[in-house]
């Protein structure tokens, strides 16, 4: 797939690659990339187990890396792609960075921010859900099925 065919799917595939790395490391398989213009400026996957840090979610690590890359605290011209709907902690961080767009794959009805509403995001942040939803859900289900 070319980036020009469907940019959201292309970048979600990149986030899925990160999620697979997390899976291989026995981390909950969530991956994220941050895009500025047509360029990935940060990528990350969950590292809570390896770092012994409950805040080491893919989104948190990717947002921090993107801010460092741009040497800026605001990411208004960036898009965060993540395989799972961000939790309230990650959505809050995205709100503080004023990220321009959030694109996620699978919904998280238990811990996702959408159940509380989008009030924690910056008012101009655009949210797109369900991109490559089936692939994102499949990876999560397989991960948890193996551990039960």
N, C-alpha and C. Protein backbone atom coordinates (compact mmCIF):
# COMPACT_ATOMS: atom_id res chain seq x y z
N UNK A 1 0.85 -1.19 0.00
CA UNK A 1 0.00 0.00 0.00
C UNK A 1 0.89 1.24 0.00
N UNK A 2 0.55 2.16 -0.84
CA UNK A 2 1.26 3.44 -0.90
C UNK A 2 0.65 4.39 0.13
N UNK A 3 1.49 5.24 0.64
CA UNK A 3 1.03 6.26 1.59
C UNK A 3 -0.06 7.13 0.98
N UNK A 4 -0.02 7.28 -0.34
CA UNK A 4 -0.96 8.17 -1.02
C UNK A 4 -2.32 7.53 -1.25
N UNK A 5 -2.39 6.19 -1.21
CA UNK A 5 -3.67 5.51 -1.40
C UNK A 5 -4.62 5.80 -0.24
N UNK A 6 -4.13 5.63 0.97
CA UNK A 6 -4.93 5.88 2.17
C UNK A 6 -3.96 6.15 3.32
N UNK A 7 -3.61 7.41 3.54
CA UNK A 7 -2.60 7.72 4.56
C UNK A 7 -2.95 7.19 5.95
N UNK A 8 -4.22 7.24 6.35
CA UNK A 8 -4.57 6.76 7.68
C UNK A 8 -4.29 5.26 7.81
N UNK A 9 -4.61 4.48 6.80
CA UNK A 9 -4.32 3.05 6.86
C UNK A 9 -2.82 2.79 6.83
N UNK A 10 -2.11 3.52 6.00
CA UNK A 10 -0.65 3.35 5.93
C UNK A 10 -0.01 3.58 7.30
N UNK A 11 -0.36 4.69 7.94
CA UNK A 11 0.25 5.00 9.23
C UNK A 11 -0.26 4.07 10.33
N UNK A 12 -1.49 3.58 10.22
CA UNK A 12 -1.97 2.60 11.19
C UNK A 12 -1.20 1.30 11.04
N UNK A 13 -0.83 0.94 9.82
CA UNK A 13 0.01 -0.24 9.63
C UNK A 13 1.34 -0.07 10.35
N UNK A 14 1.86 1.14 10.34
CA UNK A 14 3.11 1.41 11.05
C UNK A 14 2.90 1.28 12.56
N UNK A 15 1.77 1.75 13.06
CA UNK A 15 1.45 1.59 14.48
C UNK A 15 1.28 0.11 14.82
N UNK A 16 0.68 -0.65 13.93
CA UNK A 16 0.53 -2.09 14.15
C UNK A 16 1.88 -2.80 14.21
N UNK A 17 2.84 -2.34 13.44
CA UNK A 17 4.20 -2.91 13.54
C UNK A 17 4.75 -2.70 14.95
N UNK A 18 4.51 -1.52 15.51
CA UNK A 18 4.94 -1.25 16.88
C UNK A 18 4.20 -2.15 17.86
N UNK A 19 2.90 -2.34 17.64
CA UNK A 19 2.11 -3.20 18.52
C UNK A 19 2.63 -4.64 18.49
N UNK A 20 3.06 -5.09 17.33
CA UNK A 20 3.61 -6.44 17.22
C UNK A 20 4.93 -6.56 17.99
N UNK A 21 5.72 -5.50 18.00
CA UNK A 21 6.94 -5.50 18.82
C UNK A 21 6.58 -5.65 20.29
N UNK A 22 5.56 -4.93 20.73
CA UNK A 22 5.11 -5.04 22.12
C UNK A 22 4.67 -6.48 22.40
N UNK A 23 3.90 -7.04 21.50
CA UNK A 23 3.42 -8.43 21.62
C UNK A 23 4.60 -9.37 21.82
N UNK A 24 5.62 -9.23 20.97
CA UNK A 24 6.80 -10.09 21.04
C UNK A 24 7.56 -9.92 22.35
N UNK A 25 7.44 -8.75 22.97
CA UNK A 25 8.11 -8.48 24.24
C UNK A 25 7.20 -8.78 25.44
N UNK A 26 6.05 -9.42 25.16
CA UNK A 26 5.06 -9.76 26.17
C UNK A 26 4.48 -8.55 26.88
N UNK A 27 4.41 -7.45 26.16
CA UNK A 27 3.72 -6.24 26.60
C UNK A 27 2.34 -6.25 25.95
N UNK A 28 1.38 -5.57 26.56
CA UNK A 28 0.07 -5.44 25.92
C UNK A 28 0.31 -4.78 24.56
N UNK A 29 -0.17 -5.41 23.47
CA UNK A 29 0.21 -4.97 22.13
C UNK A 29 -0.50 -3.71 21.63
N UNK A 30 0.02 -2.59 22.09
CA UNK A 30 -0.46 -1.30 21.62
C UNK A 30 0.74 -0.59 21.00
N UNK A 31 0.52 -0.05 19.81
CA UNK A 31 1.58 0.69 19.13
C UNK A 31 1.07 2.05 18.71
N UNK A 32 2.02 3.00 18.60
CA UNK A 32 1.66 4.37 18.22
C UNK A 32 2.75 4.97 17.35
N UNK A 33 2.33 5.83 16.44
CA UNK A 33 3.26 6.67 15.68
C UNK A 33 2.70 8.08 15.66
N UNK A 34 3.60 9.04 15.60
CA UNK A 34 3.21 10.44 15.45
C UNK A 34 3.74 10.92 14.11
N UNK A 35 2.85 11.53 13.34
CA UNK A 35 3.17 11.99 11.99
C UNK A 35 3.07 13.51 11.94
N UNK A 36 4.07 14.11 11.33
CA UNK A 36 4.07 15.55 11.06
C UNK A 36 4.31 15.73 9.57
N UNK A 37 3.39 16.41 8.91
CA UNK A 37 3.48 16.47 7.45
C UNK A 37 3.23 15.08 6.93
N UNK A 38 4.13 14.57 6.13
CA UNK A 38 4.03 13.20 5.62
C UNK A 38 5.14 12.34 6.19
N UNK A 39 5.59 12.66 7.39
CA UNK A 39 6.75 11.98 7.95
C UNK A 39 6.48 11.48 9.37
N UNK A 40 6.85 10.24 9.62
CA UNK A 40 6.77 9.72 10.99
C UNK A 40 7.92 10.33 11.78
N UNK A 41 7.57 11.03 12.87
CA UNK A 41 8.60 11.66 13.68
C UNK A 41 8.81 10.94 15.01
N UNK A 42 7.91 10.01 15.34
CA UNK A 42 8.06 9.24 16.57
C UNK A 42 7.28 7.94 16.44
N UNK A 43 7.82 6.90 17.06
CA UNK A 43 7.13 5.61 17.12
C UNK A 43 7.41 5.00 18.48
N UNK A 44 6.43 4.27 18.97
CA UNK A 44 6.60 3.64 20.28
C UNK A 44 5.57 2.53 20.45
N UNK A 45 5.85 1.67 21.41
CA UNK A 45 4.90 0.64 21.82
C UNK A 45 4.92 0.55 23.34
N UNK A 46 3.93 -0.10 23.87
CA UNK A 46 3.84 -0.23 25.33
C UNK A 46 5.14 -0.78 25.91
N UNK A 47 5.57 -0.20 27.02
CA UNK A 47 6.78 -0.64 27.71
C UNK A 47 6.57 -0.66 29.22
N UNK A 48 5.35 -0.88 29.65
CA UNK A 48 5.07 -0.81 31.08
C UNK A 48 5.78 -1.91 31.87
N UNK A 49 5.86 -3.10 31.30
CA UNK A 49 6.52 -4.22 31.99
C UNK A 49 8.03 -4.03 32.04
N UNK A 50 8.61 -3.75 30.90
CA UNK A 50 10.08 -3.61 30.82
C UNK A 50 10.58 -2.46 31.67
N UNK A 51 9.86 -1.35 31.66
CA UNK A 51 10.29 -0.17 32.41
C UNK A 51 9.75 -0.13 33.84
N UNK A 52 8.86 -1.08 34.18
CA UNK A 52 8.21 -1.07 35.50
C UNK A 52 7.58 0.30 35.76
N UNK A 53 6.83 0.76 34.74
CA UNK A 53 6.26 2.10 34.77
C UNK A 53 4.86 2.04 34.17
N UNK A 54 3.85 2.23 35.02
CA UNK A 54 2.47 2.15 34.53
C UNK A 54 2.13 3.27 33.55
N UNK A 55 2.93 4.30 33.47
CA UNK A 55 2.67 5.40 32.53
C UNK A 55 3.36 5.19 31.18
N UNK A 56 4.09 4.11 31.00
CA UNK A 56 4.85 3.89 29.77
C UNK A 56 3.98 3.30 28.66
N UNK A 57 2.83 3.94 28.44
CA UNK A 57 1.94 3.54 27.35
C UNK A 57 2.54 4.03 26.03
N UNK A 58 2.17 3.35 24.95
CA UNK A 58 2.68 3.69 23.62
C UNK A 58 2.47 5.17 23.29
N UNK A 59 1.26 5.67 23.59
CA UNK A 59 0.93 7.06 23.26
C UNK A 59 1.81 8.05 24.04
N UNK A 60 2.00 7.78 25.33
CA UNK A 60 2.81 8.68 26.16
C UNK A 60 4.24 8.74 25.63
N UNK A 61 4.79 7.57 25.31
CA UNK A 61 6.17 7.52 24.82
C UNK A 61 6.29 8.19 23.45
N UNK A 62 5.30 7.97 22.59
CA UNK A 62 5.34 8.57 21.25
C UNK A 62 5.17 10.09 21.31
N UNK A 63 4.26 10.57 22.15
CA UNK A 63 4.06 12.02 22.27
C UNK A 63 5.32 12.70 22.81
N UNK A 64 5.95 12.08 23.79
CA UNK A 64 7.19 12.64 24.35
C UNK A 64 8.29 12.67 23.30
N UNK A 65 8.43 11.57 22.56
CA UNK A 65 9.46 11.52 21.52
C UNK A 65 9.20 12.56 20.43
N UNK A 66 7.94 12.74 20.06
CA UNK A 66 7.59 13.73 19.03
C UNK A 66 7.90 15.14 19.50
N UNK A 67 7.55 15.45 20.73
CA UNK A 67 7.84 16.78 21.28
C UNK A 67 9.35 17.02 21.31
N UNK A 68 10.11 16.00 21.68
CA UNK A 68 11.57 16.12 21.69
C UNK A 68 12.10 16.32 20.28
N UNK A 69 11.56 15.58 19.32
CA UNK A 69 12.00 15.69 17.93
C UNK A 69 11.77 17.09 17.38
N UNK A 70 10.61 17.66 17.71
CA UNK A 70 10.26 18.99 17.22
C UNK A 70 10.80 20.11 18.11
N UNK A 71 11.33 19.73 19.27
CA UNK A 71 11.79 20.70 20.28
C UNK A 71 10.66 21.69 20.58
N UNK A 72 9.48 21.11 20.83
CA UNK A 72 8.28 21.91 21.10
C UNK A 72 7.36 21.13 22.01
N UNK A 73 6.55 21.83 22.78
CA UNK A 73 5.61 21.11 23.64
C UNK A 73 4.24 20.91 23.00
N UNK A 74 3.94 21.67 21.96
CA UNK A 74 2.66 21.54 21.28
C UNK A 74 2.82 20.79 19.96
N UNK A 75 1.87 19.92 19.68
CA UNK A 75 1.90 19.09 18.48
C UNK A 75 0.68 19.36 17.61
N UNK A 76 0.34 20.62 17.46
CA UNK A 76 -0.89 21.02 16.77
C UNK A 76 -0.93 20.57 15.31
N UNK A 77 0.20 20.42 14.69
CA UNK A 77 0.24 20.02 13.27
C UNK A 77 0.50 18.53 13.11
N UNK A 78 0.38 17.78 14.18
CA UNK A 78 0.70 16.34 14.15
C UNK A 78 -0.55 15.48 14.29
N UNK A 79 -0.40 14.23 13.86
CA UNK A 79 -1.43 13.21 14.04
C UNK A 79 -0.84 12.06 14.84
N UNK A 80 -1.56 11.66 15.88
CA UNK A 80 -1.22 10.49 16.67
C UNK A 80 -2.03 9.31 16.15
N UNK A 81 -1.34 8.28 15.68
CA UNK A 81 -1.98 7.03 15.25
C UNK A 81 -1.72 6.01 16.33
N UNK A 82 -2.77 5.36 16.80
CA UNK A 82 -2.61 4.37 17.87
C UNK A 82 -3.58 3.22 17.62
N UNK A 83 -3.13 2.01 17.91
CA UNK A 83 -3.91 0.82 17.59
C UNK A 83 -5.11 0.61 18.50
N UNK A 84 -5.07 1.19 19.69
CA UNK A 84 -6.17 1.06 20.65
C UNK A 84 -6.58 2.45 21.13
N UNK A 85 -7.87 2.63 21.31
CA UNK A 85 -8.39 3.90 21.82
C UNK A 85 -7.60 4.31 23.07
N UNK A 86 -7.09 5.53 23.09
CA UNK A 86 -6.31 5.97 24.25
C UNK A 86 -7.12 5.95 25.55
N UNK A 87 -6.43 5.62 26.63
CA UNK A 87 -7.05 5.70 27.96
C UNK A 87 -7.15 7.18 28.35
N UNK A 88 -7.74 7.43 29.48
CA UNK A 88 -7.91 8.83 29.91
C UNK A 88 -6.57 9.50 30.18
N UNK A 89 -5.59 8.77 30.70
CA UNK A 89 -4.26 9.36 30.93
C UNK A 89 -3.65 9.82 29.60
N UNK A 90 -3.68 8.95 28.61
CA UNK A 90 -3.08 9.27 27.31
C UNK A 90 -3.86 10.36 26.58
N UNK A 91 -5.18 10.32 26.69
CA UNK A 91 -6.00 11.37 26.07
C UNK A 91 -5.71 12.71 26.75
N UNK A 92 -5.54 12.70 28.06
CA UNK A 92 -5.19 13.93 28.77
C UNK A 92 -3.86 14.48 28.28
N UNK A 93 -2.88 13.61 28.11
CA UNK A 93 -1.57 14.05 27.60
C UNK A 93 -1.71 14.59 26.18
N UNK A 94 -2.52 13.92 25.36
CA UNK A 94 -2.75 14.41 24.00
C UNK A 94 -3.41 15.78 24.03
N UNK A 95 -4.31 15.97 24.98
CA UNK A 95 -4.95 17.28 25.13
C UNK A 95 -3.94 18.35 25.49
N UNK A 96 -3.03 18.05 26.41
CA UNK A 96 -2.02 19.03 26.80
C UNK A 96 -1.06 19.35 25.65
N UNK A 97 -0.79 18.37 24.77
CA UNK A 97 0.08 18.65 23.63
C UNK A 97 -0.66 19.36 22.50
N UNK A 98 -1.98 19.41 22.61
CA UNK A 98 -2.83 20.01 21.58
C UNK A 98 -2.64 19.33 20.22
N UNK A 99 -2.46 18.01 20.25
CA UNK A 99 -2.27 17.26 19.02
C UNK A 99 -3.43 17.54 18.06
N UNK A 100 -3.11 17.67 16.79
CA UNK A 100 -4.11 18.04 15.80
C UNK A 100 -5.15 16.97 15.52
N UNK A 101 -4.69 15.72 15.44
CA UNK A 101 -5.60 14.60 15.15
C UNK A 101 -5.18 13.40 15.97
N UNK A 102 -6.17 12.59 16.32
CA UNK A 102 -5.95 11.28 16.90
C UNK A 102 -6.70 10.29 16.03
N UNK A 103 -5.98 9.28 15.55
CA UNK A 103 -6.58 8.23 14.74
C UNK A 103 -6.32 6.92 15.46
N UNK A 104 -7.39 6.20 15.81
CA UNK A 104 -7.17 4.92 16.49
C UNK A 104 -7.94 3.81 15.82
N UNK A 105 -7.48 2.58 16.10
CA UNK A 105 -8.08 1.40 15.49
C UNK A 105 -9.21 0.83 16.32
N UNK A 106 -8.86 0.03 17.32
CA UNK A 106 -9.86 -0.66 18.15
C UNK A 106 -10.36 0.24 19.27
N UNK A 107 -11.64 0.11 19.58
CA UNK A 107 -12.22 0.82 20.73
C UNK A 107 -11.87 0.08 22.01
N UNK A 108 -11.87 0.82 23.11
CA UNK A 108 -11.64 0.23 24.43
C UNK A 108 -12.78 0.67 25.35
N UNK A 109 -13.88 -0.07 25.33
CA UNK A 109 -15.07 0.36 26.10
C UNK A 109 -14.85 0.41 27.61
N UNK A 110 -13.87 -0.31 28.14
CA UNK A 110 -13.62 -0.31 29.59
C UNK A 110 -12.76 0.86 30.03
N UNK A 111 -11.69 1.15 29.29
CA UNK A 111 -10.72 2.15 29.74
C UNK A 111 -10.50 3.30 28.77
N UNK A 112 -11.16 3.26 27.62
CA UNK A 112 -10.97 4.30 26.62
C UNK A 112 -11.58 5.63 27.03
N UNK A 113 -11.01 6.70 26.51
CA UNK A 113 -11.45 8.04 26.90
C UNK A 113 -12.82 8.41 26.36
N UNK A 114 -13.26 7.78 25.27
CA UNK A 114 -14.53 8.17 24.63
C UNK A 114 -15.73 8.02 25.55
N UNK A 115 -15.70 7.07 26.47
CA UNK A 115 -16.85 6.88 27.36
C UNK A 115 -17.04 8.08 28.28
N UNK A 116 -15.99 8.85 28.51
CA UNK A 116 -16.09 10.05 29.33
C UNK A 116 -16.29 11.30 28.48
N UNK A 117 -16.22 11.14 27.17
CA UNK A 117 -16.37 12.28 26.27
C UNK A 117 -15.02 12.82 25.85
N UNK A 118 -15.06 13.73 24.94
CA UNK A 118 -13.83 14.26 24.35
C UNK A 118 -13.36 15.55 25.03
N UNK A 119 -13.94 15.87 26.17
CA UNK A 119 -13.62 17.11 26.86
C UNK A 119 -12.18 17.25 27.29
N UNK A 120 -11.46 16.15 27.45
CA UNK A 120 -10.06 16.25 27.87
C UNK A 120 -9.12 16.58 26.71
N UNK A 121 -9.63 16.46 25.48
CA UNK A 121 -8.82 16.82 24.31
C UNK A 121 -8.91 18.31 24.05
N UNK A 122 -7.95 18.81 23.28
CA UNK A 122 -8.02 20.20 22.84
C UNK A 122 -9.25 20.34 21.94
N UNK A 123 -9.97 21.45 22.03
CA UNK A 123 -11.20 21.60 21.24
C UNK A 123 -11.01 21.44 19.73
N UNK A 124 -9.81 21.70 19.22
CA UNK A 124 -9.58 21.59 17.78
C UNK A 124 -9.10 20.21 17.35
N UNK A 125 -8.84 19.32 18.29
CA UNK A 125 -8.36 17.98 17.95
C UNK A 125 -9.47 17.20 17.24
N UNK A 126 -9.13 16.64 16.11
CA UNK A 126 -10.04 15.81 15.32
C UNK A 126 -9.78 14.35 15.70
N UNK A 127 -10.83 13.58 15.94
CA UNK A 127 -10.69 12.17 16.29
C UNK A 127 -11.31 11.32 15.19
N UNK A 128 -10.55 10.31 14.74
CA UNK A 128 -11.02 9.35 13.76
C UNK A 128 -10.86 7.97 14.40
N UNK A 129 -11.94 7.19 14.43
CA UNK A 129 -11.87 5.87 15.06
C UNK A 129 -12.16 4.78 14.05
N UNK A 130 -11.73 3.57 14.38
CA UNK A 130 -12.07 2.40 13.58
C UNK A 130 -11.17 2.14 12.40
N UNK A 131 -10.03 2.82 12.28
CA UNK A 131 -9.12 2.58 11.16
C UNK A 131 -8.40 1.25 11.40
N UNK A 132 -8.59 0.31 10.49
CA UNK A 132 -8.03 -1.04 10.61
C UNK A 132 -8.45 -1.71 11.92
N UNK A 133 -9.67 -1.45 12.30
CA UNK A 133 -10.23 -1.93 13.56
C UNK A 133 -10.06 -3.44 13.74
N UNK A 134 -10.40 -4.22 12.71
CA UNK A 134 -10.36 -5.68 12.83
C UNK A 134 -8.95 -6.17 13.11
N UNK A 135 -7.95 -5.64 12.41
CA UNK A 135 -6.57 -6.06 12.62
C UNK A 135 -6.10 -5.70 14.03
N UNK A 136 -6.45 -4.52 14.48
CA UNK A 136 -6.07 -4.07 15.81
C UNK A 136 -6.73 -4.93 16.89
N UNK A 137 -8.01 -5.23 16.72
CA UNK A 137 -8.73 -6.06 17.68
C UNK A 137 -8.17 -7.48 17.70
N UNK A 138 -7.86 -8.01 16.53
CA UNK A 138 -7.37 -9.38 16.43
C UNK A 138 -6.08 -9.57 17.22
N UNK A 139 -5.18 -8.62 17.13
CA UNK A 139 -3.91 -8.70 17.84
C UNK A 139 -4.13 -8.68 19.36
N UNK A 140 -5.01 -7.81 19.83
CA UNK A 140 -5.31 -7.74 21.26
C UNK A 140 -5.95 -9.04 21.75
N UNK A 141 -6.93 -9.54 21.01
CA UNK A 141 -7.63 -10.76 21.43
C UNK A 141 -6.67 -11.95 21.47
N UNK A 142 -5.81 -12.04 20.48
CA UNK A 142 -4.84 -13.14 20.44
C UNK A 142 -3.89 -13.07 21.65
N UNK A 143 -3.45 -11.88 21.97
CA UNK A 143 -2.55 -11.67 23.11
C UNK A 143 -3.19 -12.16 24.41
N UNK A 144 -4.43 -11.75 24.67
CA UNK A 144 -5.08 -12.12 25.91
C UNK A 144 -5.53 -13.57 25.92
N UNK A 145 -5.89 -14.11 24.77
CA UNK A 145 -6.28 -15.52 24.69
C UNK A 145 -5.09 -16.41 25.08
N UNK A 146 -3.89 -16.05 24.65
CA UNK A 146 -2.69 -16.84 24.97
C UNK A 146 -2.37 -16.82 26.46
N UNK A 147 -2.82 -15.80 27.18
CA UNK A 147 -2.46 -15.65 28.58
C UNK A 147 -3.53 -16.18 29.53
N UNK A 148 -4.62 -16.65 29.02
CA UNK A 148 -5.69 -17.17 29.88
C UNK A 148 -5.60 -18.66 30.06
